[in-house]
C-alpha atoms as a PDB file:
ATOM      1  CA  UNK A   1    -111.575 108.225 -93.606  1.00  0.00           C
ATOM      2  CA  UNK A   2    -114.467 105.843 -93.000  1.00  0.00           C
ATOM      3  CA  UNK A   3    -117.198 105.332 -95.563  1.00  0.00           C
ATOM      4  CA  UNK A   4    -119.717 107.226 -93.396  1.00  0.00           C
ATOM      5  CA  UNK A   5    -117.297 110.138 -93.009  1.00  0.00           C
ATOM      6  CA  UNK A   6    -116.747 110.138 -96.780  1.00  0.00           C
ATOM      7  CA  UNK A   7    -120.481 110.412 -97.400  1.00  0.00           C
ATOM      8  CA  UNK A   8    -120.736 113.233 -94.863  1.00  0.00           C
ATOM      9  CA  UNK A   9    -117.812 114.963 -96.564  1.00  0.00           C
ATOM     10  CA  UNK A  10    -119.614 114.632 -99.918  1.00  0.00           C
ATOM     11  CA  UNK A  11    -122.687 116.260 -98.415  1.00  0.00           C
ATOM     12  CA  UNK A  12    -120.538 118.986 -96.857  1.00  0.00           C
ATOM     13  CA  UNK A  13    -118.823 119.544-100.197  1.00  0.00           C
ATOM     14  CA  UNK A  14    -122.047 119.884-102.112  1.00  0.00           C
ATOM     15  CA  UNK A  15    -123.210 122.463 -99.588  1.00  0.00           C
ATOM     16  CA  UNK A  16    -120.163 124.533-100.505  1.00  0.00           C
ATOM     17  CA  UNK A  17    -120.956 124.155-104.203  1.00  0.00           C
ATOM     18  CA  UNK A  18    -124.342 125.687-103.731  1.00  0.00           C
ATOM     19  CA  UNK A  19    -123.679 128.209-100.953  1.00  0.00           C
ATOM     20  CA  UNK A  20    -123.502 131.777-102.220  1.00  0.00           C
ATOM     21  CA  UNK A  21    -124.898 135.187-101.320  1.00  0.00           C
ATOM     22  CA  UNK A  22    -128.296 135.666-102.961  1.00  0.00           C
ATOM     23  CA  UNK A  23    -128.490 139.491-103.136  1.00  0.00           C
ATOM     24  CA  UNK A  24    -128.253 140.025-106.903  1.00  0.00           C
ATOM     25  CA  UNK A  25    -126.330 136.781-107.134  1.00  0.00           C
ATOM     26  CA  UNK A  26    -126.908 133.464-108.850  1.00  0.00           C
ATOM     27  CA  UNK A  27    -130.208 131.769-107.910  1.00  0.00           C
ATOM     28  CA  UNK A  28    -131.136 130.595-104.440  1.00  0.00           C
ATOM     29  CA  UNK A  29    -127.826 128.972-103.593  1.00  0.00           C
ATOM     30  CA  UNK A  30    -127.496 130.384-100.065  1.00  0.00           C
ATOM     31  CA  UNK A  31    -131.041 129.432 -99.057  1.00  0.00           C
ATOM     32  CA  UNK A  32    -130.602 125.941-100.502  1.00  0.00           C
ATOM     33  CA  UNK A  33    -127.417 125.222 -98.497  1.00  0.00           C
ATOM     34  CA  UNK A  34    -129.457 124.013 -95.491  1.00  0.00           C
ATOM     35  CA  UNK A  35    -131.680 121.702 -97.574  1.00  0.00           C
ATOM     36  CA  UNK A  36    -131.179 117.916 -97.884  1.00  0.00           C
ATOM     37  CA  UNK A  37    -128.799 116.825-100.649  1.00  0.00           C
ATOM     38  CA  UNK A  38    -129.455 114.061-103.145  1.00  0.00           C
ATOM     39  CA  UNK A  39    -126.507 112.843-105.231  1.00  0.00           C
ATOM     40  CA  UNK A  40    -126.685 110.255-108.015  1.00  0.00           C
ATOM     41  CA  UNK A  41    -124.038 108.863-110.353  1.00  0.00           C
ATOM     42  CA  UNK A  42    -123.218 105.658-112.158  1.00  0.00           C
ATOM     43  CA  UNK A  43    -119.952 105.392-110.213  1.00  0.00           C
ATOM     44  CA  UNK A  44    -118.432 106.971-107.085  1.00  0.00           C
ATOM     45  CA  UNK A  45    -114.814 106.580-105.977  1.00  0.00           C
ATOM     46  CA  UNK A  46    -113.348 107.698-102.657  1.00  0.00           C
ATOM     47  CA  UNK A  47    -109.545 107.966-102.462  1.00  0.00           C
ATOM     48  CA  UNK A  48    -108.397 108.506 -98.888  1.00  0.00           C
ATOM     49  CA  UNK A  49    -104.734 108.917 -99.894  1.00  0.00           C
ATOM     50  CA  UNK A  50    -105.315 111.804-102.293  1.00  0.00           C
ATOM     51  CA  UNK A  51    -108.293 113.269-100.448  1.00  0.00           C
ATOM     52  CA  UNK A  52    -110.537 113.122-103.504  1.00  0.00           C
ATOM     53  CA  UNK A  53    -114.037 111.956-104.320  1.00  0.00           C
ATOM     54  CA  UNK A  54    -114.905 111.279-107.953  1.00  0.00           C
ATOM     55  CA  UNK A  55    -118.365 110.738-109.365  1.00  0.00           C
ATOM     56  CA  UNK A  56    -118.903 109.751-112.987  1.00  0.00           C
ATOM     57  CA  UNK A  57    -121.668 108.817-115.355  1.00  0.00           C
ATOM     58  CA  UNK A  58    -124.747 111.033-115.390  1.00  0.00           C
ATOM     59  CA  UNK A  59    -123.842 112.841-112.162  1.00  0.00           C
ATOM     60  CA  UNK A  60    -126.792 114.701-110.650  1.00  0.00           C
ATOM     61  CA  UNK A  61    -126.638 116.649-107.392  1.00  0.00           C
ATOM     62  CA  UNK A  62    -129.814 118.336-106.120  1.00  0.00           C
ATOM     63  CA  UNK A  63    -130.197 120.565-103.085  1.00  0.00           C
ATOM     64  CA  UNK A  64    -133.368 122.600-102.618  1.00  0.00           C
ATOM     65  CA  UNK A  65    -133.990 124.525-105.836  1.00  0.00           C
ATOM     66  CA  UNK A  66    -130.405 123.999-107.050  1.00  0.00           C
ATOM     67  CA  UNK A  67    -129.375 121.249-109.456  1.00  0.00           C
ATOM     68  CA  UNK A  68    -125.918 120.383-110.831  1.00  0.00           C
ATOM     69  CA  UNK A  69    -125.500 117.851-113.633  1.00  0.00           C
ATOM     70  CA  UNK A  70    -122.322 116.759-115.413  1.00  0.00           C
ATOM     71  CA  UNK A  71    -120.677 113.648-116.798  1.00  0.00           C
ATOM     72  CA  UNK A  72    -117.937 113.845-114.138  1.00  0.00           C
ATOM     73  CA  UNK A  73    -117.404 115.605-110.780  1.00  0.00           C
ATOM     74  CA  UNK A  74    -114.189 115.565-108.713  1.00  0.00           C
ATOM     75  CA  UNK A  75    -113.981 117.010-105.208  1.00  0.00           C
ATOM     76  CA  UNK A  76    -110.490 117.777-103.863  1.00  0.00           C
ATOM     77  CA  UNK A  77    -109.595 118.453-100.242  1.00  0.00           C
ATOM     78  CA  UNK A  78    -106.795 120.391 -98.590  1.00  0.00           C
ATOM     79  CA  UNK A  79    -103.660 118.469 -97.658  1.00  0.00           C
ATOM     80  CA  UNK A  80    -104.950 117.781 -94.132  1.00  0.00           C
ATOM     81  CA  UNK A  81    -108.371 116.808 -95.638  1.00  0.00           C
ATOM     82  CA  UNK A  82    -110.172 119.204 -93.297  1.00  0.00           C
ATOM     83  CA  UNK A  83    -111.596 121.517 -95.965  1.00  0.00           C
ATOM     84  CA  UNK A  84    -112.689 121.360 -99.564  1.00  0.00           C
ATOM     85  CA  UNK A  85    -110.240 123.077-101.870  1.00  0.00           C
ATOM     86  CA  UNK A  86    -111.643 122.575-105.379  1.00  0.00           C
ATOM     87  CA  UNK A  87    -114.703 121.159-107.088  1.00  0.00           C
ATOM     88  CA  UNK A  88    -114.253 120.278-110.753  1.00  0.00           C
ATOM     89  CA  UNK A  89    -117.021 119.208-113.150  1.00  0.00           C
ATOM     90  CA  UNK A  90    -116.796 118.292-116.828  1.00  0.00           C
ATOM     91  CA  UNK A  91    -118.960 117.034-119.624  1.00  0.00           C
ATOM     92  CA  UNK A  92    -121.961 119.235-120.339  1.00  0.00           C
ATOM     93  CA  UNK A  93    -121.908 120.987-116.975  1.00  0.00           C
ATOM     94  CA  UNK A  94    -125.315 122.454-116.110  1.00  0.00           C
ATOM     95  CA  UNK A  95    -126.076 124.379-112.912  1.00  0.00           C
ATOM     96  CA  UNK A  96    -129.580 125.718-112.308  1.00  0.00           C
ATOM     97  CA  UNK A  97    -130.786 127.578-109.235  1.00  0.00           C
ATOM     98  CA  UNK A  98    -134.204 129.237-108.982  1.00  0.00           C
ATOM     99  CA  UNK A  99    -134.339 129.825-112.736  1.00  0.00           C
ATOM    100  CA  UNK A 100    -130.763 131.114-113.088  1.00  0.00           C
ATOM    101  CA  UNK A 101    -128.575 128.879-115.283  1.00  0.00           C
ATOM    102  CA  UNK A 102    -124.821 128.436-115.805  1.00  0.00           C
ATOM    103  CA  UNK A 103    -123.446 126.031-118.416  1.00  0.00           C
ATOM    104  CA  UNK A 104    -120.091 125.069-119.849  1.00  0.00           C
ATOM    105  CA  UNK A 105    -117.975 122.176-121.050  1.00  0.00           C
ATOM    106  CA  UNK A 106    -116.038 122.365-117.756  1.00  0.00           C
ATOM    107  CA  UNK A 107    -116.435 124.167-114.439  1.00  0.00           C
ATOM    108  CA  UNK A 108    -113.986 124.648-111.580  1.00  0.00           C
ATOM    109  CA  UNK A 109    -114.986 126.089-108.220  1.00  0.00           C
ATOM    110  CA  UNK A 110    -112.002 127.383-106.224  1.00  0.00           C
ATOM    111  CA  UNK A 111    -113.436 127.787-102.732  1.00  0.00           C
ATOM    112  CA  UNK A 112    -110.523 129.806-101.325  1.00  0.00           C
ATOM    113  CA  UNK A 113    -110.923 132.325-104.170  1.00  0.00           C
ATOM    114  CA  UNK A 114    -114.752 132.295-104.170  1.00  0.00           C
ATOM    115  CA  UNK A 115    -114.560 131.826-107.937  1.00  0.00           C
ATOM    116  CA  UNK A 116    -116.302 129.596-110.450  1.00  0.00           C
ATOM    117  CA  UNK A 117    -114.520 129.205-113.790  1.00  0.00           C
ATOM    118  CA  UNK A 118    -116.677 128.032-116.714  1.00  0.00           C
ATOM    119  CA  UNK A 119    -114.633 126.927-119.726  1.00  0.00           C
ATOM    120  CA  UNK A 120    -115.791 126.040-123.218  1.00  0.00           C
ATOM    121  CA  UNK A 121    -119.188 127.125-124.535  1.00  0.00           C
ATOM    122  CA  UNK A 122    -119.860 129.015-121.306  1.00  0.00           C
ATOM    123  CA  UNK A 123    -123.252 130.600-120.721  1.00  0.00           C
ATOM    124  CA  UNK A 124    -124.995 132.488-117.911  1.00  0.00           C
ATOM    125  CA  UNK A 125    -128.739 133.174-117.870  1.00  0.00           C
ATOM    126  CA  UNK A 126    -130.173 135.394-115.150  1.00  0.00           C
ATOM    127  CA  UNK A 127    -133.422 137.412-115.068  1.00  0.00           C
ATOM    128  CA  UNK A 128    -133.808 136.905-118.832  1.00  0.00           C
ATOM    129  CA  UNK A 129    -130.324 138.296-119.540  1.00  0.00           C
ATOM    130  CA  UNK A 130    -127.970 135.947-121.377  1.00  0.00           C
ATOM    131  CA  UNK A 131    -124.165 136.013-121.533  1.00  0.00           C
ATOM    132  CA  UNK A 132    -122.257 133.676-123.863  1.00  0.00           C
ATOM    133  CA  UNK A 133    -118.486 133.350-124.129  1.00  0.00           C
ATOM    134  CA  UNK A 134    -115.782 130.772-124.478  1.00  0.00           C
ATOM    135  CA  UNK A 135    -114.839 131.331-120.807  1.00  0.00           C
ATOM    136  CA  UNK A 136    -116.576 132.984-117.846  1.00  0.00           C
ATOM    137  CA  UNK A 137    -115.062 133.770-114.435  1.00  0.00           C
ATOM    138  CA  UNK A 138    -117.789 134.301-111.816  1.00  0.00           C
ATOM    139  CA  UNK A 139    -117.072 135.731-108.359  1.00  0.00           C
ATOM    140  CA  UNK A 140    -119.462 134.063-105.914  1.00  0.00           C
ATOM    141  CA  UNK A 141    -119.072 136.841-103.323  1.00  0.00           C
ATOM    142  CA  UNK A 142    -119.646 139.886-105.514  1.00  0.00           C
ATOM    143  CA  UNK A 143    -121.570 138.396-108.431  1.00  0.00           C
ATOM    144  CA  UNK A 144    -119.152 140.045-110.861  1.00  0.00           C
ATOM    145  CA  UNK A 145    -118.114 138.164-113.984  1.00  0.00           C
ATOM    146  CA  UNK A 146    -115.405 138.394-116.640  1.00  0.00           C
ATOM    147  CA  UNK A 147    -116.119 136.875-120.049  1.00  0.00           C
ATOM    148  CA  UNK A 148    -113.487 136.117-122.705  1.00  0.00           C
ATOM    149  CA  UNK A 149    -113.525 134.588-126.161  1.00  0.00           C
ATOM    150  CA  UNK A 150    -116.137 136.006-128.563  1.00  0.00           C
ATOM    151  CA  UNK A 151    -118.534 137.409-126.005  1.00  0.00           C
ATOM    152  CA  UNK A 152    -122.172 137.951-126.850  1.00  0.00           C
ATOM    153  CA  UNK A 153    -125.018 139.108-124.663  1.00  0.00           C
ATOM    154  CA  UNK A 154    -128.759 139.697-124.752  1.00  0.00           C
ATOM    155  CA  UNK A 155    -129.963 142.158-122.128  1.00  0.00           C
ATOM    156  CA  UNK A 156    -133.605 142.672-121.210  1.00  0.00           C
ATOM    157  CA  UNK A 157    -134.451 146.366-120.597  1.00  0.00           C
ATOM    158  CA  UNK A 158    -135.487 146.964-116.991  1.00  0.00           C
ATOM    159  CA  UNK A 159    -133.870 143.667-115.920  1.00  0.00           C
ATOM    160  CA  UNK A 160    -130.931 143.206-113.573  1.00  0.00           C
END
């Protein structure tokens, strides 16, 4: 994999991170997927053998109205390195999209499952409604979520 291809793969990967259906879903992720991507980190490593890209140190990825920040982000590819399999972020993970917010100590996005798993101090904020739990499983296709570990919520009457 050449350096240019690796950068293009990073851009392609970030598009997957932020591409979701917007009808009652999280933020403006689908609309943002066609916007330019800006990625910053203190360090970036590309490992052609394992098919991974790792970014560390104040990682910030911005696309349109969507912003992901974390201390560390790892992008893993399928065995043939043709598709992204998993995106993992850790260290004060913060994802904001058009006012919707997801936070956790760690986040894993399994693309084949269309699932984001937030672990440790997980929180979702959407339309003024707040969900807090130790762990949250969010389906990016349906918008459904399962919370475990001392769940608390604040719901705004008349909200979503």
